[in-house]
């Protein structure tokens, strides 16, 4: 477990630089989950608009593979592994309060047997941070900002899954119409998914 997490952290440092803060959360009956914060001033970043962003990434979720909750015995080696990545614009909201909600999501495979994959959604049961207009997230495609981390067989790669915050209306639209249609709405309206203060995209 420790070896895998060391490799994961090395991959994060290579892709995102040095974290400027980290916090650890431990839930009863689960392994420790850390959340690392990376600051990007925007200079030379992939965002391309010069605006600063903050990235929060979990560390610990990938120590164990995610297993089907219907399985009689959990496989301790095979199965998908992932960490969660959230990107927001810096200084517009108190987004550092997202650390515990992110840790709760990262612990859910151990606690609830959730298997996370692109196109799925996760309900937080409350705002992503105090006052946030988002109560759930859509899981995006991995392999972009942080490349997948290959592990020795038979272990599956660690995937770094971006989380895209959704307003309650967007979450309802996603449940009714699917992730692809919601993403097409965002794209058609030029929605800045990193804006922590954004309003719901028009859904009519």
N, C-alpha and C. Protein backbone atom coordinates (compact mmCIF):
# COMPACT_ATOMS: atom_id res chain seq x y z
N UNK A 1 0.83 -1.21 0.00
CA UNK A 1 0.00 0.00 0.00
C UNK A 1 0.86 1.26 0.00
N UNK A 2 1.84 1.30 0.92
CA UNK A 2 2.70 2.48 1.02
C UNK A 2 3.49 2.69 -0.26
N UNK A 3 3.91 1.58 -0.89
CA UNK A 3 4.68 1.70 -2.13
C UNK A 3 3.83 2.33 -3.24
N UNK A 4 2.58 1.91 -3.34
CA UNK A 4 1.69 2.47 -4.36
C UNK A 4 1.47 3.95 -4.12
N UNK A 5 1.23 4.33 -2.88
CA UNK A 5 0.97 5.74 -2.58
C UNK A 5 2.20 6.60 -2.82
N UNK A 6 3.38 6.05 -2.60
CA UNK A 6 4.61 6.79 -2.89
C UNK A 6 4.72 7.05 -4.39
N UNK A 7 4.37 6.06 -5.20
CA UNK A 7 4.39 6.24 -6.65
C UNK A 7 3.34 7.25 -7.10
N UNK A 8 2.18 7.20 -6.47
CA UNK A 8 1.12 8.15 -6.81
C UNK A 8 1.55 9.57 -6.50
N UNK A 9 2.14 9.77 -5.32
CA UNK A 9 2.57 11.12 -4.96
C UNK A 9 3.68 11.61 -5.88
N UNK A 10 4.58 10.73 -6.27
CA UNK A 10 5.63 11.11 -7.21
C UNK A 10 5.03 11.53 -8.55
N UNK A 11 4.01 10.81 -9.02
CA UNK A 11 3.36 11.18 -10.27
C UNK A 11 2.69 12.55 -10.15
N UNK A 12 2.06 12.83 -9.02
CA UNK A 12 1.41 14.12 -8.81
C UNK A 12 2.44 15.26 -8.81
N UNK A 13 3.58 15.03 -8.17
CA UNK A 13 4.61 16.06 -8.13
C UNK A 13 5.18 16.32 -9.52
N UNK A 14 5.32 15.27 -10.30
CA UNK A 14 5.82 15.44 -11.67
C UNK A 14 4.84 16.24 -12.52
N UNK A 15 3.55 15.97 -12.37
CA UNK A 15 2.54 16.61 -13.20
C UNK A 15 2.14 18.00 -12.71
N UNK A 16 2.14 18.20 -11.38
CA UNK A 16 1.56 19.42 -10.82
C UNK A 16 2.55 20.27 -10.03
N UNK A 17 3.75 19.77 -9.76
CA UNK A 17 4.71 20.51 -8.96
C UNK A 17 4.61 20.11 -7.50
N UNK A 18 5.15 20.94 -6.64
CA UNK A 18 5.16 20.65 -5.21
C UNK A 18 3.86 21.11 -4.56
N UNK A 19 3.24 20.29 -3.75
CA UNK A 19 2.04 20.74 -3.03
C UNK A 19 2.42 21.78 -1.99
N UNK A 20 1.55 22.76 -1.79
CA UNK A 20 1.85 23.80 -0.80
C UNK A 20 1.10 23.55 0.51
N UNK A 21 0.24 22.54 0.54
CA UNK A 21 -0.46 22.20 1.77
C UNK A 21 -1.02 20.79 1.63
N UNK A 22 -1.23 20.15 2.78
CA UNK A 22 -1.83 18.82 2.77
C UNK A 22 -2.54 18.61 4.10
N UNK A 23 -3.60 17.83 4.05
CA UNK A 23 -4.36 17.53 5.25
C UNK A 23 -4.73 16.06 5.22
N UNK A 24 -4.84 15.45 6.40
CA UNK A 24 -5.17 14.04 6.50
C UNK A 24 -6.47 13.86 7.26
N UNK A 25 -7.30 12.94 6.79
CA UNK A 25 -8.56 12.61 7.45
C UNK A 25 -8.63 11.10 7.58
N UNK A 26 -9.03 10.63 8.75
CA UNK A 26 -9.20 9.20 8.98
C UNK A 26 -10.62 8.94 9.44
N UNK A 27 -11.28 8.02 8.76
CA UNK A 27 -12.63 7.63 9.13
C UNK A 27 -12.59 6.25 9.76
N UNK A 28 -13.50 5.98 10.67
CA UNK A 28 -13.54 4.71 11.37
C UNK A 28 -13.62 3.55 10.38
N UNK A 29 -12.68 2.63 10.50
CA UNK A 29 -12.70 1.45 9.66
C UNK A 29 -12.10 1.62 8.28
N UNK A 30 -11.46 2.77 8.02
CA UNK A 30 -10.87 3.01 6.71
C UNK A 30 -9.41 3.42 6.85
N UNK A 31 -8.67 3.32 5.75
CA UNK A 31 -7.30 3.82 5.73
C UNK A 31 -7.32 5.35 5.69
N UNK A 32 -6.20 5.94 6.06
CA UNK A 32 -6.10 7.40 6.06
C UNK A 32 -6.17 7.94 4.64
N UNK A 33 -6.92 9.02 4.49
CA UNK A 33 -7.00 9.73 3.22
C UNK A 33 -6.37 11.11 3.39
N UNK A 34 -5.45 11.45 2.50
CA UNK A 34 -4.88 12.79 2.50
C UNK A 34 -5.43 13.57 1.31
N UNK A 35 -5.44 14.89 1.45
CA UNK A 35 -5.78 15.77 0.33
C UNK A 35 -4.63 16.75 0.17
N UNK A 36 -4.03 16.77 -1.02
CA UNK A 36 -2.91 17.66 -1.32
C UNK A 36 -3.41 18.86 -2.12
N UNK A 37 -2.88 20.03 -1.82
CA UNK A 37 -3.26 21.24 -2.55
C UNK A 37 -2.08 21.73 -3.38
N UNK A 38 -2.37 22.00 -4.65
CA UNK A 38 -1.36 22.51 -5.58
C UNK A 38 -1.83 23.86 -6.11
N UNK A 39 -0.98 24.86 -6.05
CA UNK A 39 -1.31 26.19 -6.56
C UNK A 39 -0.66 26.37 -7.93
N UNK A 40 -1.43 26.93 -8.86
CA UNK A 40 -0.91 27.23 -10.20
C UNK A 40 -1.25 28.69 -10.49
N UNK A 41 -0.23 29.51 -10.63
CA UNK A 41 -0.45 30.94 -10.84
C UNK A 41 -1.02 31.25 -12.21
N UNK A 42 -0.96 30.27 -13.12
CA UNK A 42 -1.49 30.49 -14.47
C UNK A 42 -0.41 30.77 -15.48
N UNK A 43 0.79 31.11 -15.03
CA UNK A 43 1.87 31.41 -15.96
C UNK A 43 2.35 30.14 -16.63
N UNK A 44 2.12 30.06 -17.93
CA UNK A 44 2.54 28.90 -18.69
C UNK A 44 1.71 27.66 -18.44
N UNK A 45 0.55 27.83 -17.81
CA UNK A 45 -0.27 26.66 -17.51
C UNK A 45 -1.09 26.23 -18.70
N UNK A 46 -1.65 25.02 -18.61
CA UNK A 46 -2.49 24.50 -19.67
C UNK A 46 -3.80 25.26 -19.78
N UNK A 47 -4.16 26.00 -18.73
CA UNK A 47 -5.42 26.75 -18.78
C UNK A 47 -5.37 27.85 -19.83
N UNK A 48 -4.19 28.40 -20.05
CA UNK A 48 -4.00 29.29 -21.17
C UNK A 48 -4.54 30.70 -21.02
N UNK A 49 -5.18 31.04 -19.90
CA UNK A 49 -5.76 32.37 -19.79
C UNK A 49 -5.07 33.21 -18.71
N UNK A 50 -4.00 32.66 -18.11
CA UNK A 50 -3.25 33.42 -17.13
C UNK A 50 -3.89 33.49 -15.77
N UNK A 51 -5.06 32.87 -15.61
CA UNK A 51 -5.76 32.92 -14.32
C UNK A 51 -5.21 31.83 -13.41
N UNK A 52 -5.08 32.15 -12.11
CA UNK A 52 -4.59 31.18 -11.17
C UNK A 52 -5.65 30.15 -10.81
N UNK A 53 -5.22 28.92 -10.63
CA UNK A 53 -6.14 27.87 -10.21
C UNK A 53 -5.51 27.11 -9.05
N UNK A 54 -6.38 26.51 -8.25
CA UNK A 54 -5.97 25.64 -7.16
C UNK A 54 -6.48 24.25 -7.45
N UNK A 55 -5.60 23.27 -7.26
CA UNK A 55 -5.99 21.88 -7.50
C UNK A 55 -5.90 21.11 -6.19
N UNK A 56 -6.95 20.37 -5.91
CA UNK A 56 -7.00 19.51 -4.73
C UNK A 56 -7.02 18.06 -5.21
N UNK A 57 -6.11 17.25 -4.69
CA UNK A 57 -6.01 15.86 -5.14
C UNK A 57 -5.96 14.94 -3.92
N UNK A 58 -6.77 13.89 -3.95
CA UNK A 58 -6.75 12.93 -2.85
C UNK A 58 -5.53 12.01 -2.99
N UNK A 59 -5.11 11.48 -1.86
CA UNK A 59 -3.99 10.53 -1.82
C UNK A 59 -4.32 9.48 -0.76
N UNK A 60 -4.57 8.26 -1.21
CA UNK A 60 -4.92 7.19 -0.29
C UNK A 60 -6.00 6.29 -0.83
N UNK A 61 -6.87 6.83 -1.65
CA UNK A 61 -7.96 6.06 -2.24
C UNK A 61 -7.43 4.91 -3.10
N UNK A 62 -6.30 5.12 -3.78
CA UNK A 62 -5.76 4.13 -4.71
C UNK A 62 -4.99 3.01 -4.02
N UNK A 63 -4.84 3.09 -2.70
CA UNK A 63 -4.10 2.04 -1.99
C UNK A 63 -4.78 0.69 -2.11
N UNK A 64 -6.11 0.72 -2.22
CA UNK A 64 -6.88 -0.51 -2.38
C UNK A 64 -7.68 -0.44 -3.67
N UNK A 65 -7.84 -1.56 -4.37
CA UNK A 65 -8.68 -1.53 -5.57
C UNK A 65 -10.15 -1.39 -5.20
N UNK A 66 -10.91 -0.74 -6.06
CA UNK A 66 -12.36 -0.65 -5.87
C UNK A 66 -12.98 -1.96 -6.32
N UNK A 67 -13.90 -2.48 -5.53
CA UNK A 67 -14.49 -3.78 -5.83
C UNK A 67 -16.00 -3.67 -5.91
N UNK A 68 -16.58 -4.55 -6.70
CA UNK A 68 -18.03 -4.63 -6.86
C UNK A 68 -18.66 -4.96 -5.51
N UNK A 69 -19.59 -4.12 -5.02
CA UNK A 69 -20.19 -4.39 -3.70
C UNK A 69 -20.97 -5.70 -3.66
N UNK A 70 -21.33 -6.25 -4.83
CA UNK A 70 -22.07 -7.52 -4.86
C UNK A 70 -21.15 -8.74 -4.78
N UNK A 71 -19.84 -8.51 -4.88
CA UNK A 71 -18.89 -9.62 -4.84
C UNK A 71 -18.86 -10.24 -3.44
N UNK A 72 -18.78 -11.56 -3.39
CA UNK A 72 -18.76 -12.26 -2.11
C UNK A 72 -17.45 -11.98 -1.37
N UNK A 73 -16.33 -12.03 -2.11
CA UNK A 73 -15.03 -11.74 -1.54
C UNK A 73 -14.36 -10.62 -2.33
N UNK A 74 -13.83 -9.64 -1.62
CA UNK A 74 -13.15 -8.52 -2.28
C UNK A 74 -11.75 -8.94 -2.69
N UNK A 75 -11.39 -8.67 -3.93
CA UNK A 75 -10.05 -8.95 -4.43
C UNK A 75 -9.11 -7.85 -3.95
N UNK A 76 -8.04 -8.22 -3.27
CA UNK A 76 -7.12 -7.24 -2.70
C UNK A 76 -6.07 -6.75 -3.70
N UNK A 77 -6.07 -7.31 -4.92
CA UNK A 77 -5.06 -6.93 -5.91
C UNK A 77 -5.71 -6.37 -7.17
N UNK A 78 -6.62 -7.14 -7.76
CA UNK A 78 -7.24 -6.72 -9.01
C UNK A 78 -8.39 -5.75 -8.76
N UNK A 79 -8.66 -4.93 -9.77
CA UNK A 79 -9.74 -3.97 -9.67
C UNK A 79 -9.25 -2.57 -9.95
N UNK A 80 -10.15 -1.66 -10.36
CA UNK A 80 -9.75 -0.29 -10.68
C UNK A 80 -9.27 0.47 -9.46
N UNK A 81 -8.28 1.34 -9.69
CA UNK A 81 -7.75 2.21 -8.64
C UNK A 81 -7.82 3.65 -9.13
N UNK A 82 -8.06 4.57 -8.22
CA UNK A 82 -8.20 5.97 -8.64
C UNK A 82 -7.91 6.92 -7.48
N UNK A 83 -7.61 8.15 -7.86
CA UNK A 83 -7.59 9.29 -6.95
C UNK A 83 -8.46 10.38 -7.59
N UNK A 84 -8.91 11.32 -6.77
CA UNK A 84 -9.84 12.35 -7.23
C UNK A 84 -9.13 13.69 -7.34
N UNK A 85 -9.47 14.46 -8.37
CA UNK A 85 -8.82 15.74 -8.65
C UNK A 85 -9.88 16.82 -8.89
N UNK A 86 -9.81 17.89 -8.13
CA UNK A 86 -10.73 19.01 -8.28
C UNK A 86 -9.93 20.28 -8.57
N UNK A 87 -10.32 21.01 -9.61
CA UNK A 87 -9.64 22.25 -9.98
C UNK A 87 -10.62 23.41 -9.88
N UNK A 88 -10.23 24.48 -9.17
CA UNK A 88 -11.07 25.68 -9.04
C UNK A 88 -10.22 26.92 -9.19
N UNK A 89 -10.85 28.00 -9.58
CA UNK A 89 -10.13 29.27 -9.67
C UNK A 89 -9.80 29.77 -8.27
N UNK A 90 -8.61 30.32 -8.15
CA UNK A 90 -8.10 30.72 -6.85
C UNK A 90 -8.70 32.05 -6.39
N UNK A 91 -9.03 32.13 -5.09
CA UNK A 91 -9.35 33.39 -4.46
C UNK A 91 -10.78 33.87 -4.61
N UNK A 92 -11.65 33.09 -5.23
CA UNK A 92 -13.04 33.53 -5.43
C UNK A 92 -13.98 33.01 -4.35
N UNK A 93 -13.59 31.96 -3.66
CA UNK A 93 -14.42 31.37 -2.61
C UNK A 93 -13.50 30.62 -1.64
N UNK A 94 -14.06 30.27 -0.48
CA UNK A 94 -13.27 29.57 0.54
C UNK A 94 -13.23 28.08 0.21
N UNK A 95 -12.58 27.76 -0.89
CA UNK A 95 -12.59 26.38 -1.38
C UNK A 95 -11.73 25.44 -0.56
N UNK A 96 -10.87 25.96 0.33
CA UNK A 96 -10.08 25.07 1.16
C UNK A 96 -10.95 24.22 2.09
N UNK A 97 -12.20 24.65 2.26
CA UNK A 97 -13.13 23.87 3.08
C UNK A 97 -13.60 22.60 2.37
N UNK A 98 -13.12 22.39 1.15
CA UNK A 98 -13.50 21.20 0.38
C UNK A 98 -12.72 19.96 0.82
N UNK A 99 -11.73 20.13 1.66
CA UNK A 99 -10.84 19.02 2.00
C UNK A 99 -11.59 17.83 2.60
N UNK A 100 -12.44 18.07 3.58
CA UNK A 100 -13.15 16.95 4.20
C UNK A 100 -14.16 16.31 3.25
N UNK A 101 -14.99 17.10 2.53
CA UNK A 101 -15.88 16.45 1.55
C UNK A 101 -15.13 15.59 0.53
N UNK A 102 -13.97 16.05 0.07
CA UNK A 102 -13.19 15.24 -0.87
C UNK A 102 -12.71 13.95 -0.22
N UNK A 103 -12.28 14.04 1.02
CA UNK A 103 -11.84 12.85 1.72
C UNK A 103 -12.99 11.87 1.92
N UNK A 104 -14.19 12.39 2.19
CA UNK A 104 -15.37 11.53 2.33
C UNK A 104 -15.63 10.78 1.03
N UNK A 105 -15.55 11.50 -0.09
CA UNK A 105 -15.76 10.84 -1.39
C UNK A 105 -14.69 9.78 -1.64
N UNK A 106 -13.44 10.11 -1.31
CA UNK A 106 -12.35 9.17 -1.55
C UNK A 106 -12.46 7.93 -0.67
N UNK A 107 -13.10 8.05 0.48
CA UNK A 107 -13.27 6.91 1.37
C UNK A 107 -14.47 6.05 1.00
N UNK A 108 -15.35 6.56 0.14
CA UNK A 108 -16.60 5.84 -0.15
C UNK A 108 -16.40 4.47 -0.79
N UNK A 109 -15.34 4.22 -1.60
CA UNK A 109 -15.16 2.85 -2.07
C UNK A 109 -14.94 1.85 -0.94
N UNK A 110 -14.21 2.27 0.11
CA UNK A 110 -14.00 1.38 1.26
C UNK A 110 -15.25 1.27 2.12
N UNK A 111 -15.95 2.40 2.30
CA UNK A 111 -17.08 2.43 3.23
C UNK A 111 -18.35 1.86 2.60
N UNK A 112 -18.60 2.22 1.34
CA UNK A 112 -19.87 1.88 0.72
C UNK A 112 -19.74 0.94 -0.47
N UNK A 113 -18.52 0.56 -0.83
CA UNK A 113 -18.34 -0.31 -1.98
C UNK A 113 -18.62 0.36 -3.30
N UNK A 114 -18.43 1.70 -3.35
CA UNK A 114 -18.66 2.44 -4.58
C UNK A 114 -17.49 2.21 -5.54
N UNK A 115 -17.80 1.94 -6.80
CA UNK A 115 -16.79 1.83 -7.84
C UNK A 115 -16.93 3.06 -8.74
N UNK A 116 -15.95 3.95 -8.69
CA UNK A 116 -16.03 5.22 -9.41
C UNK A 116 -15.48 5.07 -10.82
N UNK A 117 -16.18 5.68 -11.77
CA UNK A 117 -15.74 5.62 -13.17
C UNK A 117 -16.23 6.87 -13.88
N UNK A 118 -15.57 7.21 -14.99
CA UNK A 118 -15.95 8.38 -15.77
C UNK A 118 -17.41 8.30 -16.18
N UNK A 119 -18.10 9.44 -16.08
CA UNK A 119 -19.51 9.50 -16.42
C UNK A 119 -20.43 9.29 -15.25
N UNK A 120 -19.89 8.80 -14.13
CA UNK A 120 -20.70 8.63 -12.93
C UNK A 120 -20.82 9.94 -12.17
N UNK A 121 -21.66 9.95 -11.19
CA UNK A 121 -21.83 11.15 -10.37
C UNK A 121 -21.82 10.77 -8.90
N UNK A 122 -21.45 11.71 -8.07
CA UNK A 122 -21.36 11.50 -6.63
C UNK A 122 -22.12 12.62 -5.93
N UNK A 123 -23.02 12.25 -5.03
CA UNK A 123 -23.82 13.22 -4.29
C UNK A 123 -23.16 13.46 -2.94
N UNK A 124 -22.93 14.73 -2.63
CA UNK A 124 -22.24 15.07 -1.39
C UNK A 124 -23.18 15.18 -0.20
N UNK A 125 -24.47 15.33 -0.45
CA UNK A 125 -25.42 15.51 0.64
C UNK A 125 -25.37 16.89 1.26
N UNK A 126 -24.69 17.81 0.63
CA UNK A 126 -24.55 19.18 1.12
C UNK A 126 -23.61 19.93 0.20
N UNK A 127 -23.35 21.21 0.45
CA UNK A 127 -22.48 21.98 -0.44
C UNK A 127 -21.04 21.47 -0.42
N UNK A 128 -20.38 21.61 -1.57
CA UNK A 128 -19.00 21.15 -1.72
C UNK A 128 -18.07 21.87 -0.75
N UNK A 129 -18.36 23.12 -0.48
CA UNK A 129 -17.72 23.90 0.59
C UNK A 129 -18.78 24.87 1.07
N UNK A 130 -18.63 25.53 2.21
CA UNK A 130 -19.68 26.40 2.73
C UNK A 130 -20.10 27.47 1.72
N UNK A 131 -21.40 27.51 1.42
CA UNK A 131 -21.92 28.48 0.47
C UNK A 131 -21.79 28.10 -0.98
N UNK A 132 -21.21 26.95 -1.27
CA UNK A 132 -21.02 26.54 -2.66
C UNK A 132 -22.37 26.22 -3.31
N UNK A 133 -22.52 26.57 -4.61
CA UNK A 133 -23.76 26.24 -5.31
C UNK A 133 -23.80 24.80 -5.82
N UNK A 134 -22.81 23.99 -5.44
CA UNK A 134 -22.69 22.63 -5.95
C UNK A 134 -22.86 21.62 -4.82
N UNK A 135 -23.74 20.63 -5.05
CA UNK A 135 -23.97 19.60 -4.04
C UNK A 135 -23.59 18.21 -4.56
N UNK A 136 -23.09 18.14 -5.79
CA UNK A 136 -22.68 16.87 -6.36
C UNK A 136 -21.62 17.14 -7.42
N UNK A 137 -20.99 16.08 -7.88
CA UNK A 137 -19.93 16.20 -8.88
C UNK A 137 -20.12 15.14 -9.95
N UNK A 138 -19.72 15.48 -11.17
CA UNK A 138 -19.65 14.52 -12.27
C UNK A 138 -18.21 14.06 -12.40
N UNK A 139 -17.99 12.79 -12.59
CA UNK A 139 -16.65 12.25 -12.74
C UNK A 139 -16.24 12.34 -14.21
N UNK A 140 -15.15 13.06 -14.48
CA UNK A 140 -14.68 13.24 -15.84
C UNK A 140 -13.75 12.13 -16.29
N UNK A 141 -13.19 12.30 -17.48
CA UNK A 141 -12.27 11.32 -18.06
C UNK A 141 -10.87 11.49 -17.48
N UNK A 142 -10.22 10.39 -17.20
CA UNK A 142 -8.86 10.43 -16.68
C UNK A 142 -7.87 10.55 -17.83
N UNK A 143 -6.60 10.72 -17.47
CA UNK A 143 -5.53 10.71 -18.48
C UNK A 143 -5.21 12.06 -19.06
N UNK A 144 -5.79 13.12 -18.55
CA UNK A 144 -5.53 14.45 -19.09
C UNK A 144 -4.41 15.16 -18.36
N UNK A 145 -4.79 15.92 -17.34
CA UNK A 145 -3.82 16.72 -16.59
C UNK A 145 -2.76 15.85 -15.92
N UNK A 146 -3.21 14.76 -15.30
CA UNK A 146 -2.28 13.82 -14.66
C UNK A 146 -2.43 12.47 -15.36
N UNK A 147 -1.40 12.02 -16.08
CA UNK A 147 -1.50 10.74 -16.80
C UNK A 147 -1.72 9.57 -15.85
N UNK A 148 -2.40 8.55 -16.34
CA UNK A 148 -2.60 7.33 -15.56
C UNK A 148 -1.24 6.77 -15.13
N UNK A 149 -1.24 6.17 -13.95
CA UNK A 149 -0.02 5.58 -13.40
C UNK A 149 -0.09 4.06 -13.55
N UNK A 150 0.76 3.50 -14.39
CA UNK A 150 0.79 2.06 -14.58
C UNK A 150 1.44 1.39 -13.38
N UNK A 151 0.86 0.27 -12.95
CA UNK A 151 1.40 -0.54 -11.87
C UNK A 151 1.75 -1.93 -12.40
N UNK A 152 2.56 -2.64 -11.65
CA UNK A 152 2.93 -4.00 -12.06
C UNK A 152 1.69 -4.88 -12.10
N UNK A 153 1.58 -5.71 -13.15
CA UNK A 153 0.47 -6.65 -13.27
C UNK A 153 0.48 -7.61 -12.07
N UNK A 154 -0.71 -8.04 -11.62
CA UNK A 154 -2.03 -7.85 -12.24
C UNK A 154 -2.76 -6.60 -11.77
N UNK A 155 -2.07 -5.70 -11.10
CA UNK A 155 -2.73 -4.47 -10.63
C UNK A 155 -3.10 -3.59 -11.83
N UNK A 156 -4.27 -2.97 -11.76
CA UNK A 156 -4.69 -2.03 -12.79
C UNK A 156 -4.04 -0.66 -12.54
N UNK A 157 -3.98 0.20 -13.57
CA UNK A 157 -3.39 1.52 -13.39
C UNK A 157 -4.17 2.37 -12.39
N UNK A 158 -3.48 3.32 -11.79
CA UNK A 158 -4.15 4.34 -10.97
C UNK A 158 -4.60 5.45 -11.92
N UNK A 159 -5.88 5.76 -11.89
CA UNK A 159 -6.42 6.82 -12.73
C UNK A 159 -6.75 8.03 -11.87
N UNK A 160 -6.45 9.21 -12.39
CA UNK A 160 -6.70 10.45 -11.67
C UNK A 160 -7.97 11.07 -12.28
N UNK A 161 -9.06 10.93 -11.54
CA UNK A 161 -10.38 11.27 -12.06
C UNK A 161 -10.74 12.72 -11.72
N UNK A 162 -10.91 13.58 -12.73
CA UNK A 162 -11.33 14.96 -12.45
C UNK A 162 -12.78 15.01 -12.00
N UNK A 163 -13.05 15.85 -11.02
CA UNK A 163 -14.41 16.06 -10.53
C UNK A 163 -14.94 17.38 -11.07
N UNK A 164 -16.12 17.34 -11.68
CA UNK A 164 -16.74 18.52 -12.27
C UNK A 164 -17.97 18.88 -11.43
N UNK A 165 -17.91 19.99 -10.68
CA UNK A 165 -19.02 20.34 -9.79
C UNK A 165 -20.32 20.56 -10.56
N UNK A 166 -21.42 20.09 -9.99
CA UNK A 166 -22.74 20.26 -10.59
C UNK A 166 -23.68 20.95 -9.61
N UNK A 167 -24.48 21.89 -10.13
CA UNK A 167 -25.56 22.47 -9.34
C UNK A 167 -26.67 21.43 -9.23
N UNK A 168 -27.62 21.62 -8.29
CA UNK A 168 -28.73 20.66 -8.18
C UNK A 168 -29.51 20.50 -9.49
N UNK A 169 -29.72 21.59 -10.22
CA UNK A 169 -30.44 21.49 -11.50
C UNK A 169 -29.64 20.68 -12.52
N UNK A 170 -28.33 20.90 -12.55
CA UNK A 170 -27.49 20.15 -13.48
C UNK A 170 -27.47 18.66 -13.12
N UNK A 171 -27.44 18.38 -11.82
CA UNK A 171 -27.44 16.98 -11.38
C UNK A 171 -28.73 16.29 -11.79
N UNK A 172 -29.86 17.00 -11.66
CA UNK A 172 -31.14 16.43 -12.06
C UNK A 172 -31.17 16.20 -13.58
N UNK A 173 -30.60 17.14 -14.34
CA UNK A 173 -30.54 17.00 -15.79
C UNK A 173 -29.67 15.80 -16.17
N UNK A 174 -28.56 15.63 -15.47
CA UNK A 174 -27.68 14.50 -15.76
C UNK A 174 -28.39 13.19 -15.49
N UNK A 175 -29.16 13.11 -14.40
CA UNK A 175 -29.87 11.87 -14.10
C UNK A 175 -30.90 11.56 -15.18
N UNK A 176 -31.53 12.60 -15.71
CA UNK A 176 -32.58 12.40 -16.70
C UNK A 176 -32.04 12.19 -18.10
N UNK A 177 -30.98 12.90 -18.46
CA UNK A 177 -30.52 12.91 -19.86
C UNK A 177 -29.15 12.26 -20.06
N UNK A 178 -28.41 12.07 -18.98
CA UNK A 178 -27.10 11.44 -19.10
C UNK A 178 -25.95 12.44 -19.06
N UNK A 179 -24.77 11.93 -18.75
CA UNK A 179 -23.58 12.77 -18.61
C UNK A 179 -23.20 13.45 -19.91
N UNK A 180 -23.30 12.74 -21.02
CA UNK A 180 -22.87 13.29 -22.29
C UNK A 180 -23.67 14.55 -22.65
N UNK A 181 -24.99 14.50 -22.47
CA UNK A 181 -25.81 15.67 -22.83
C UNK A 181 -25.51 16.86 -21.93
N UNK A 182 -25.26 16.60 -20.64
CA UNK A 182 -24.90 17.70 -19.76
C UNK A 182 -23.57 18.31 -20.19
N UNK A 183 -22.60 17.49 -20.51
CA UNK A 183 -21.30 18.01 -20.94
C UNK A 183 -21.43 18.79 -22.25
N UNK A 184 -22.31 18.35 -23.13
CA UNK A 184 -22.55 19.10 -24.37
C UNK A 184 -23.16 20.46 -24.08
N UNK A 185 -24.03 20.54 -23.08
CA UNK A 185 -24.59 21.83 -22.66
C UNK A 185 -23.49 22.75 -22.15
N UNK A 186 -22.65 22.21 -21.31
CA UNK A 186 -21.54 23.02 -20.78
C UNK A 186 -20.67 23.54 -21.92
N UNK A 187 -20.36 22.68 -22.86
CA UNK A 187 -19.51 23.07 -23.97
C UNK A 187 -20.18 24.12 -24.85
N UNK A 188 -21.45 23.93 -25.14
CA UNK A 188 -22.17 24.85 -26.02
C UNK A 188 -22.26 26.25 -25.42
N UNK A 189 -22.31 26.33 -24.10
CA UNK A 189 -22.45 27.63 -23.43
C UNK A 189 -21.12 28.16 -22.91
N UNK A 190 -20.02 27.48 -23.23
CA UNK A 190 -18.71 27.95 -22.78
C UNK A 190 -18.59 28.01 -21.27
N UNK A 191 -19.17 27.05 -20.57
CA UNK A 191 -19.19 27.06 -19.11
C UNK A 191 -17.78 26.86 -18.54
N UNK A 192 -17.41 27.74 -17.62
CA UNK A 192 -16.12 27.62 -16.94
C UNK A 192 -16.34 26.74 -15.71
N UNK A 193 -16.01 25.47 -15.82
CA UNK A 193 -16.27 24.52 -14.75
C UNK A 193 -15.34 24.71 -13.56
N UNK A 194 -14.35 25.60 -13.70
CA UNK A 194 -13.44 25.88 -12.58
C UNK A 194 -13.91 27.06 -11.76
N UNK A 195 -14.96 27.75 -12.21
CA UNK A 195 -15.46 28.93 -11.50
C UNK A 195 -16.26 28.48 -10.28
N UNK A 196 -15.79 28.76 -9.07
CA UNK A 196 -16.49 28.29 -7.87
C UNK A 196 -17.78 29.05 -7.59
N UNK A 197 -18.05 30.11 -8.36
CA UNK A 197 -19.26 30.92 -8.14
C UNK A 197 -20.24 30.83 -9.30
N UNK A 198 -19.97 29.98 -10.27
CA UNK A 198 -20.79 29.98 -11.47
C UNK A 198 -22.23 29.54 -11.18
N UNK A 199 -23.12 29.97 -12.06
CA UNK A 199 -24.51 29.54 -11.98
C UNK A 199 -24.74 28.33 -12.87
N UNK A 200 -25.90 27.74 -12.71
CA UNK A 200 -26.24 26.57 -13.52
C UNK A 200 -26.30 26.96 -15.00
N UNK A 201 -25.83 26.06 -15.87
CA UNK A 201 -25.93 26.28 -17.29
C UNK A 201 -27.41 26.26 -17.71
N UNK A 202 -27.83 27.05 -18.70
CA UNK A 202 -29.23 26.97 -19.17
C UNK A 202 -29.56 25.55 -19.63
N UNK A 203 -30.69 25.04 -19.16
CA UNK A 203 -31.06 23.66 -19.43
C UNK A 203 -32.37 23.53 -20.20
N UNK A 204 -32.91 24.64 -20.67
CA UNK A 204 -34.17 24.60 -21.42
C UNK A 204 -33.90 24.21 -22.88
